[in-house]
Amino acid sequence: MSDDQRDEAAGTVHDLARLTSAPEPNVPAVRTRVDRLRELLAGSADIAQPALAIIASVAALFGA
């Protein structure tokens, strides 16, 4: 994973944290971020498995 991709992934994780902590989360925005994060992490063996497990938990909460 390139440095730019790592930065994007970190930013997306922060976006998800912010979005999911809202009293009424914007579900379409959450789904978009989850999908992008899956794409970014799919080719990254070093962090993919733990990160994808977290994404699966968040996705289940929001039907993504």
C-alpha atoms as a PDB file:
ATOM      1  CA  MET A   1       0.000   0.000   0.000  1.00  0.00           C
ATOM      2  CA  SER A   2       1.419   3.360  -0.982  1.00  0.00           C
ATOM      3  CA  ASP A   3       1.762   6.249   1.445  1.00  0.00           C
ATOM      4  CA  ASP A   4      -1.096   8.060  -0.303  1.00  0.00           C
ATOM      5  CA  GLN A   5      -3.324   5.005   0.060  1.00  0.00           C
ATOM      6  CA  ARG A   6      -2.425   4.691   3.740  1.00  0.00           C
ATOM      7  CA  ASP A   7      -3.295   8.346   4.268  1.00  0.00           C
ATOM      8  CA  GLU A   8      -6.595   7.878   2.444  1.00  0.00           C
ATOM      9  CA  ALA A   9      -7.396   4.757   4.466  1.00  0.00           C
ATOM     10  CA  ALA A  10      -6.629   6.554   7.737  1.00  0.00           C
ATOM     11  CA  GLY A  11      -8.796   9.487   6.696  1.00  0.00           C
ATOM     12  CA  THR A  12     -11.615   7.140   5.748  1.00  0.00           C
ATOM     13  CA  VAL A  13     -11.407   5.406   9.127  1.00  0.00           C
ATOM     14  CA  HIS A  14     -11.649   8.795  10.841  1.00  0.00           C
ATOM     15  CA  ASP A  15     -14.630   9.702   8.632  1.00  0.00           C
ATOM     16  CA  LEU A  16     -16.341   6.446   9.597  1.00  0.00           C
ATOM     17  CA  ALA A  17     -15.712   7.073  13.282  1.00  0.00           C
ATOM     18  CA  ARG A  18     -17.198  10.558  12.994  1.00  0.00           C
ATOM     19  CA  LEU A  19     -20.180   9.413  10.913  1.00  0.00           C
ATOM     20  CA  THR A  20     -21.038   6.415  13.084  1.00  0.00           C
ATOM     21  CA  SER A  21     -20.851   8.404  16.312  1.00  0.00           C
ATOM     22  CA  ALA A  22     -23.556  10.826  15.162  1.00  0.00           C
ATOM     23  CA  PRO A  23     -26.951  10.463  16.850  1.00  0.00           C
ATOM     24  CA  GLU A  24     -28.492   9.788  13.425  1.00  0.00           C
ATOM     25  CA  PRO A  25     -25.712   8.534  11.145  1.00  0.00           C
ATOM     26  CA  ASN A  26     -25.845   9.275   7.428  1.00  0.00           C
ATOM     27  CA  VAL A  27     -26.174   5.643   6.317  1.00  0.00           C
ATOM     28  CA  PRO A  28     -25.423   6.223   2.600  1.00  0.00           C
ATOM     29  CA  ALA A  29     -22.231   8.096   3.547  1.00  0.00           C
ATOM     30  CA  VAL A  30     -21.230   5.275   5.905  1.00  0.00           C
ATOM     31  CA  ARG A  31     -21.783   2.702   3.167  1.00  0.00           C
ATOM     32  CA  THR A  32     -19.710   4.719   0.691  1.00  0.00           C
ATOM     33  CA  ARG A  33     -16.806   4.981   3.159  1.00  0.00           C
ATOM     34  CA  VAL A  34     -17.027   1.270   4.023  1.00  0.00           C
ATOM     35  CA  ASP A  35     -16.917   0.329   0.338  1.00  0.00           C
ATOM     36  CA  ARG A  36     -13.907   2.576  -0.315  1.00  0.00           C
ATOM     37  CA  LEU A  37     -12.069   1.237   2.706  1.00  0.00           C
ATOM     38  CA  ARG A  38     -12.675  -2.330   1.551  1.00  0.00           C
ATOM     39  CA  GLU A  39     -11.176  -1.427  -1.837  1.00  0.00           C
ATOM     40  CA  LEU A  40      -8.125   0.182  -0.277  1.00  0.00           C
ATOM     41  CA  LEU A  41      -7.453  -2.650   2.145  1.00  0.00           C
ATOM     42  CA  ALA A  42      -8.185  -5.606  -0.109  1.00  0.00           C
ATOM     43  CA  GLY A  43      -4.636  -5.639  -1.487  1.00  0.00           C
ATOM     44  CA  SER A  44      -2.843  -4.921   1.768  1.00  0.00           C
ATOM     45  CA  ALA A  45      -1.832  -8.091   3.546  1.00  0.00           C
ATOM     46  CA  ASP A  46      -0.173  -6.364   6.515  1.00  0.00           C
ATOM     47  CA  ILE A  47      -3.321  -4.665   7.819  1.00  0.00           C
ATOM     48  CA  ALA A  48      -6.097  -6.147   5.740  1.00  0.00           C
ATOM     49  CA  GLN A  49      -7.343  -8.936   7.993  1.00  0.00           C
ATOM     50  CA  PRO A  50      -7.770  -6.936  11.223  1.00  0.00           C
ATOM     51  CA  ALA A  51      -9.127  -3.924   9.359  1.00  0.00           C
ATOM     52  CA  LEU A  52     -11.554  -5.975   7.301  1.00  0.00           C
ATOM     53  CA  ALA A  53     -12.899  -7.568  10.491  1.00  0.00           C
ATOM     54  CA  ILE A  54     -13.636  -4.099  11.877  1.00  0.00           C
ATOM     55  CA  ILE A  55     -15.206  -3.030   8.585  1.00  0.00           C
ATOM     56  CA  ALA A  56     -17.429  -6.115   8.593  1.00  0.00           C
ATOM     57  CA  SER A  57     -18.708  -5.201  12.058  1.00  0.00           C
ATOM     58  CA  VAL A  58     -19.455  -1.604  11.053  1.00  0.00           C
ATOM     59  CA  ALA A  59     -20.995  -2.710   7.765  1.00  0.00           C
ATOM     60  CA  ALA A  60     -23.331  -5.088   9.566  1.00  0.00           C
ATOM     61  CA  LEU A  61     -24.585  -2.248  11.730  1.00  0.00           C
ATOM     62  CA  PHE A  62     -25.419  -0.111   8.703  1.00  0.00           C
ATOM     63  CA  GLY A  63     -26.435  -2.747   6.181  1.00  0.00           C
ATOM     64  CA  ALA A  64     -23.481  -2.026   3.944  1.00  0.00           C
END
